[in-house]
Amino acid sequence: MAAPNKLPAQFADLEPYLDWDLATEPQRYAKRLASSMSQMQGFYDTAFPRLEDVIAY
């Protein structure tokens, strides 16, 4: 049985980045420091074009 999606279907392309969804700024900062440039670029390339859709949702 597949795990349920944590995001609405229209945001399925953002699911690989759910581990970036951290509760505090220090946790998010630590995640950025622990991530490679290619990981961060992949996140930004995927997330930034979707910001208006995310905000509208």
PDB file of N, CA and C in Angstrom:
ATOM      1  N   MET A   1       0.842  -1.180   0.000  1.00  0.00           N
ATOM      2  CA  MET A   1       0.000   0.000   0.000  1.00  0.00           C
ATOM      3  C   MET A   1       0.885   1.241   0.000  1.00  0.00           C
ATOM      4  N   ALA A   2       0.609   2.170  -0.904  1.00  0.00           N
ATOM      5  CA  ALA A   2       1.403   3.390  -1.017  1.00  0.00           C
ATOM      6  C   ALA A   2       1.079   4.345   0.127  1.00  0.00           C
ATOM      7  N   ALA A   3       2.077   5.124   0.510  1.00  0.00           N
ATOM      8  CA  ALA A   3       1.860   6.132   1.542  1.00  0.00           C
ATOM      9  C   ALA A   3       0.979   7.241   0.981  1.00  0.00           C
ATOM     10  N   PRO A   4       0.111   7.800   1.814  1.00  0.00           N
ATOM     11  CA  PRO A   4      -0.745   8.884   1.320  1.00  0.00           C
ATOM     12  C   PRO A   4       0.089  10.120   0.991  1.00  0.00           C
ATOM     13  N   ASN A   5      -0.381  10.861  -0.001  1.00  0.00           N
ATOM     14  CA  ASN A   5       0.298  12.098  -0.363  1.00  0.00           C
ATOM     15  C   ASN A   5       0.100  13.123   0.740  1.00  0.00           C
ATOM     16  N   LYS A   6       1.128  13.892   1.014  1.00  0.00           N
ATOM     17  CA  LYS A   6       1.027  14.933   2.025  1.00  0.00           C
ATOM     18  C   LYS A   6       0.619  16.263   1.415  1.00  0.00           C
ATOM     19  N   LEU A   7       0.716  16.370   0.106  1.00  0.00           N
ATOM     20  CA  LEU A   7       0.361  17.603  -0.588  1.00  0.00           C
ATOM     21  C   LEU A   7      -0.806  17.354  -1.529  1.00  0.00           C
ATOM     22  N   PRO A   8      -1.567  18.407  -1.837  1.00  0.00           N
ATOM     23  CA  PRO A   8      -2.617  18.254  -2.846  1.00  0.00           C
ATOM     24  C   PRO A   8      -2.007  17.818  -4.178  1.00  0.00           C
ATOM     25  N   ALA A   9      -2.792  17.151  -4.992  1.00  0.00           N
ATOM     26  CA  ALA A   9      -2.304  16.583  -6.253  1.00  0.00           C
ATOM     27  C   ALA A   9      -1.606  17.610  -7.129  1.00  0.00           C
ATOM     28  N   GLN A  10      -2.098  18.856  -7.149  1.00  0.00           N
ATOM     29  CA  GLN A  10      -1.487  19.857  -8.031  1.00  0.00           C
ATOM     30  C   GLN A  10      -0.086  20.269  -7.591  1.00  0.00           C
ATOM     31  N   PHE A  11       0.322  19.848  -6.406  1.00  0.00           N
ATOM     32  CA  PHE A  11       1.661  20.153  -5.912  1.00  0.00           C
ATOM     33  C   PHE A  11       2.524  18.900  -5.768  1.00  0.00           C
ATOM     34  N   ALA A  12       2.164  17.854  -6.448  1.00  0.00           N
ATOM     35  CA  ALA A  12       2.899  16.588  -6.352  1.00  0.00           C
ATOM     36  C   ALA A  12       4.368  16.747  -6.715  1.00  0.00           C
ATOM     37  N   ASP A  13       4.689  17.684  -7.601  1.00  0.00           N
ATOM     38  CA  ASP A  13       6.082  17.893  -7.988  1.00  0.00           C
ATOM     39  C   ASP A  13       6.931  18.430  -6.841  1.00  0.00           C
ATOM     40  N   LEU A  14       6.298  18.917  -5.783  1.00  0.00           N
ATOM     41  CA  LEU A  14       7.029  19.430  -4.624  1.00  0.00           C
ATOM     42  C   LEU A  14       7.249  18.373  -3.540  1.00  0.00           C
ATOM     43  N   GLU A  15       6.611  17.221  -3.674  1.00  0.00           N
ATOM     44  CA  GLU A  15       6.718  16.162  -2.653  1.00  0.00           C
ATOM     45  C   GLU A  15       8.164  15.743  -2.350  1.00  0.00           C
ATOM     46  N   PRO A  16       9.058  15.676  -3.348  1.00  0.00           N
ATOM     47  CA  PRO A  16      10.431  15.277  -3.013  1.00  0.00           C
ATOM     48  C   PRO A  16      11.127  16.229  -2.041  1.00  0.00           C
ATOM     49  N   TYR A  17      10.566  17.411  -1.865  1.00  0.00           N
ATOM     50  CA  TYR A  17      11.203  18.416  -1.017  1.00  0.00           C
ATOM     51  C   TYR A  17      10.520  18.571   0.340  1.00  0.00           C
ATOM     52  N   LEU A  18       9.659  17.649   0.714  1.00  0.00           N
ATOM     53  CA  LEU A  18       8.970  17.760   1.998  1.00  0.00           C
ATOM     54  C   LEU A  18       9.927  17.702   3.184  1.00  0.00           C
ATOM     55  N   ASP A  19      11.093  17.125   2.996  1.00  0.00           N
ATOM     56  CA  ASP A  19      12.047  17.109   4.107  1.00  0.00           C
ATOM     57  C   ASP A  19      12.622  18.507   4.378  1.00  0.00           C
ATOM     58  N   TRP A  20      12.332  19.464   3.503  1.00  0.00           N
ATOM     59  CA  TRP A  20      12.716  20.865   3.721  1.00  0.00           C
ATOM     60  C   TRP A  20      11.661  21.593   4.560  1.00  0.00           C
ATOM     61  N   ASP A  21      10.540  20.980   4.801  1.00  0.00           N
ATOM     62  CA  ASP A  21       9.448  21.586   5.563  1.00  0.00           C
ATOM     63  C   ASP A  21       9.731  21.403   7.052  1.00  0.00           C
ATOM     64  N   LEU A  22      10.481  22.322   7.597  1.00  0.00           N
ATOM     65  CA  LEU A  22      10.903  22.234   8.993  1.00  0.00           C
ATOM     66  C   LEU A  22      10.258  23.352   9.804  1.00  0.00           C
ATOM     67  N   ALA A  23      10.058  23.106  11.078  1.00  0.00           N
ATOM     68  CA  ALA A  23       9.259  23.990  11.930  1.00  0.00           C
ATOM     69  C   ALA A  23       9.940  25.305  12.285  1.00  0.00           C
ATOM     70  N   THR A  24      11.248  25.302  12.410  1.00  0.00           N
ATOM     71  CA  THR A  24      11.912  26.513  12.895  1.00  0.00           C
ATOM     72  C   THR A  24      12.960  27.010  11.910  1.00  0.00           C
ATOM     73  N   GLU A  25      13.273  28.294  12.032  1.00  0.00           N
ATOM     74  CA  GLU A  25      14.295  28.887  11.170  1.00  0.00           C
ATOM     75  C   GLU A  25      15.660  28.229  11.388  1.00  0.00           C
ATOM     76  N   PRO A  26      16.080  27.953  12.627  1.00  0.00           N
ATOM     77  CA  PRO A  26      17.367  27.275  12.800  1.00  0.00           C
ATOM     78  C   PRO A  26      17.414  25.892  12.125  1.00  0.00           C
ATOM     79  N   GLN A  27      16.298  25.168  12.167  1.00  0.00           N
ATOM     80  CA  GLN A  27      16.253  23.865  11.489  1.00  0.00           C
ATOM     81  C   GLN A  27      16.380  24.044   9.975  1.00  0.00           C
ATOM     82  N   ARG A  28      15.679  25.034   9.428  1.00  0.00           N
ATOM     83  CA  ARG A  28      15.754  25.281   7.984  1.00  0.00           C
ATOM     84  C   ARG A  28      17.153  25.732   7.586  1.00  0.00           C
ATOM     85  N   TYR A  29      17.778  26.563   8.402  1.00  0.00           N
ATOM     86  CA  TYR A  29      19.135  27.021   8.136  1.00  0.00           C
ATOM     87  C   TYR A  29      20.105  25.838   8.144  1.00  0.00           C
ATOM     88  N   ALA A  30      19.975  24.970   9.128  1.00  0.00           N
ATOM     89  CA  ALA A  30      20.832  23.784   9.204  1.00  0.00           C
ATOM     90  C   ALA A  30      20.630  22.889   7.986  1.00  0.00           C
ATOM     91  N   LYS A  31      19.394  22.755   7.531  1.00  0.00           N
ATOM     92  CA  LYS A  31      19.107  21.952   6.334  1.00  0.00           C
ATOM     93  C   LYS A  31      19.817  22.542   5.121  1.00  0.00           C
ATOM     94  N   ARG A  32      19.745  23.871   4.976  1.00  0.00           N
ATOM     95  CA  ARG A  32      20.438  24.512   3.854  1.00  0.00           C
ATOM     96  C   ARG A  32      21.936  24.271   3.940  1.00  0.00           C
ATOM     97  N   LEU A  33      22.516  24.419   5.123  1.00  0.00           N
ATOM     98  CA  LEU A  33      23.957  24.217   5.279  1.00  0.00           C
ATOM     99  C   LEU A  33      24.368  22.782   4.969  1.00  0.00           C
ATOM    100  N   ALA A  34      23.496  21.836   5.268  1.00  0.00           N
ATOM    101  CA  ALA A  34      23.800  20.417   5.058  1.00  0.00           C
ATOM    102  C   ALA A  34      23.511  19.958   3.631  1.00  0.00           C
ATOM    103  N   SER A  35      22.918  20.825   2.815  1.00  0.00           N
ATOM    104  CA  SER A  35      22.540  20.452   1.450  1.00  0.00           C
ATOM    105  C   SER A  35      23.610  20.894   0.457  1.00  0.00           C
ATOM    106  N   SER A  36      23.739  20.129  -0.604  1.00  0.00           N
ATOM    107  CA  SER A  36      24.681  20.505  -1.660  1.00  0.00           C
ATOM    108  C   SER A  36      24.073  21.611  -2.517  1.00  0.00           C
ATOM    109  N   MET A  37      24.919  22.277  -3.288  1.00  0.00           N
ATOM    110  CA  MET A  37      24.422  23.316  -4.193  1.00  0.00           C
ATOM    111  C   MET A  37      23.444  22.729  -5.202  1.00  0.00           C
ATOM    112  N   SER A  38      23.708  21.522  -5.683  1.00  0.00           N
ATOM    113  CA  SER A  38      22.795  20.926  -6.660  1.00  0.00           C
ATOM    114  C   SER A  38      21.443  20.594  -6.022  1.00  0.00           C
ATOM    115  N   GLN A  39      21.441  20.185  -4.754  1.00  0.00           N
ATOM    116  CA  GLN A  39      20.173  19.936  -4.058  1.00  0.00           C
ATOM    117  C   GLN A  39      19.386  21.234  -3.889  1.00  0.00           C
ATOM    118  N   MET A  40      20.081  22.286  -3.476  1.00  0.00           N
ATOM    119  CA  MET A  40      19.405  23.569  -3.307  1.00  0.00           C
ATOM    120  C   MET A  40      18.901  24.103  -4.639  1.00  0.00           C
ATOM    121  N   GLN A  41      19.702  23.971  -5.689  1.00  0.00           N
ATOM    122  CA  GLN A  41      19.281  24.450  -7.003  1.00  0.00           C
ATOM    123  C   GLN A  41      18.051  23.695  -7.485  1.00  0.00           C
ATOM    124  N   GLY A  42      18.023  22.386  -7.268  1.00  0.00           N
ATOM    125  CA  GLY A  42      16.853  21.596  -7.642  1.00  0.00           C
ATOM    126  C   GLY A  42      15.605  22.061  -6.919  1.00  0.00           C
ATOM    127  N   PHE A  43      15.743  22.334  -5.627  1.00  0.00           N
ATOM    128  CA  PHE A  43      14.612  22.849  -4.854  1.00  0.00           C
ATOM    129  C   PHE A  43      14.139  24.188  -5.400  1.00  0.00           C
ATOM    130  N   TYR A  44      15.068  25.107  -5.583  1.00  0.00           N
ATOM    131  CA  TYR A  44      14.691  26.434  -6.074  1.00  0.00           C
ATOM    132  C   TYR A  44      14.089  26.362  -7.470  1.00  0.00           C
ATOM    133  N   ASP A  45      14.677  25.549  -8.340  1.00  0.00           N
ATOM    134  CA  ASP A  45      14.165  25.424  -9.713  1.00  0.00           C
ATOM    135  C   ASP A  45      12.743  24.870  -9.740  1.00  0.00           C
ATOM    136  N   THR A  46      12.417  24.023  -8.784  1.00  0.00           N
ATOM    137  CA  THR A  46      11.079  23.436  -8.714  1.00  0.00           C
ATOM    138  C   THR A  46      10.107  24.337  -7.958  1.00  0.00           C
ATOM    139  N   ALA A  47      10.526  24.878  -6.826  1.00  0.00           N
ATOM    140  CA  ALA A  47       9.611  25.609  -5.944  1.00  0.00           C
ATOM    141  C   ALA A  47       9.309  27.035  -6.400  1.00  0.00           C
ATOM    142  N   PHE A  48      10.306  27.775  -6.830  1.00  0.00           N
ATOM    143  CA  PHE A  48      10.080  29.185  -7.122  1.00  0.00           C
ATOM    144  C   PHE A  48       9.056  29.432  -8.222  1.00  0.00           C
ATOM    145  N   PRO A  49       9.042  28.673  -9.312  1.00  0.00           N
ATOM    146  CA  PRO A  49       8.009  28.906 -10.323  1.00  0.00           C
ATOM    147  C   PRO A  49       6.588  28.615  -9.807  1.00  0.00           C
ATOM    148  N   ARG A  50       6.482  27.893  -8.703  1.00  0.00           N
ATOM    149  CA  ARG A  50       5.173  27.501  -8.154  1.00  0.00           C
ATOM    150  C   ARG A  50       4.685  28.426  -7.045  1.00  0.00           C
ATOM    151  N   LEU A  51       5.470  29.428  -6.661  1.00  0.00           N
ATOM    152  CA  LEU A  51       5.128  30.248  -5.499  1.00  0.00           C
ATOM    153  C   LEU A  51       3.755  30.903  -5.611  1.00  0.00           C
ATOM    154  N   GLU A  52       3.409  31.455  -6.761  1.00  0.00           N
ATOM    155  CA  GLU A  52       2.094  32.087  -6.902  1.00  0.00           C
ATOM    156  C   GLU A  52       0.973  31.071  -6.700  1.00  0.00           C
ATOM    157  N   ASP A  53       1.154  29.871  -7.255  1.00  0.00           N
ATOM    158  CA  ASP A  53       0.145  28.819  -7.076  1.00  0.00           C
ATOM    159  C   ASP A  53       0.027  28.415  -5.607  1.00  0.00           C
ATOM    160  N   VAL A  54       1.158  28.295  -4.937  1.00  0.00           N
ATOM    161  CA  VAL A  54       1.161  27.910  -3.520  1.00  0.00           C
ATOM    162  C   VAL A  54       0.465  28.982  -2.688  1.00  0.00           C
ATOM    163  N   ILE A  55       0.799  30.239  -2.933  1.00  0.00           N
ATOM    164  CA  ILE A  55       0.190  31.336  -2.178  1.00  0.00           C
ATOM    165  C   ILE A  55      -1.310  31.399  -2.441  1.00  0.00           C
ATOM    166  N   ALA A  56      -1.709  31.220  -3.689  1.00  0.00           N
ATOM    167  CA  ALA A  56      -3.128  31.270  -4.043  1.00  0.00           C
ATOM    168  C   ALA A  56      -3.909  30.134  -3.395  1.00  0.00           C
ATOM    169  N   TYR A  57      -3.264  28.973  -3.215  1.00  0.00           N
ATOM    170  CA  TYR A  57      -3.933  27.825  -2.618  1.00  0.00           C
ATOM    171  C   TYR A  57      -4.255  28.108  -1.162  1.00  0.00           C
TER     172      TYR A  57
END
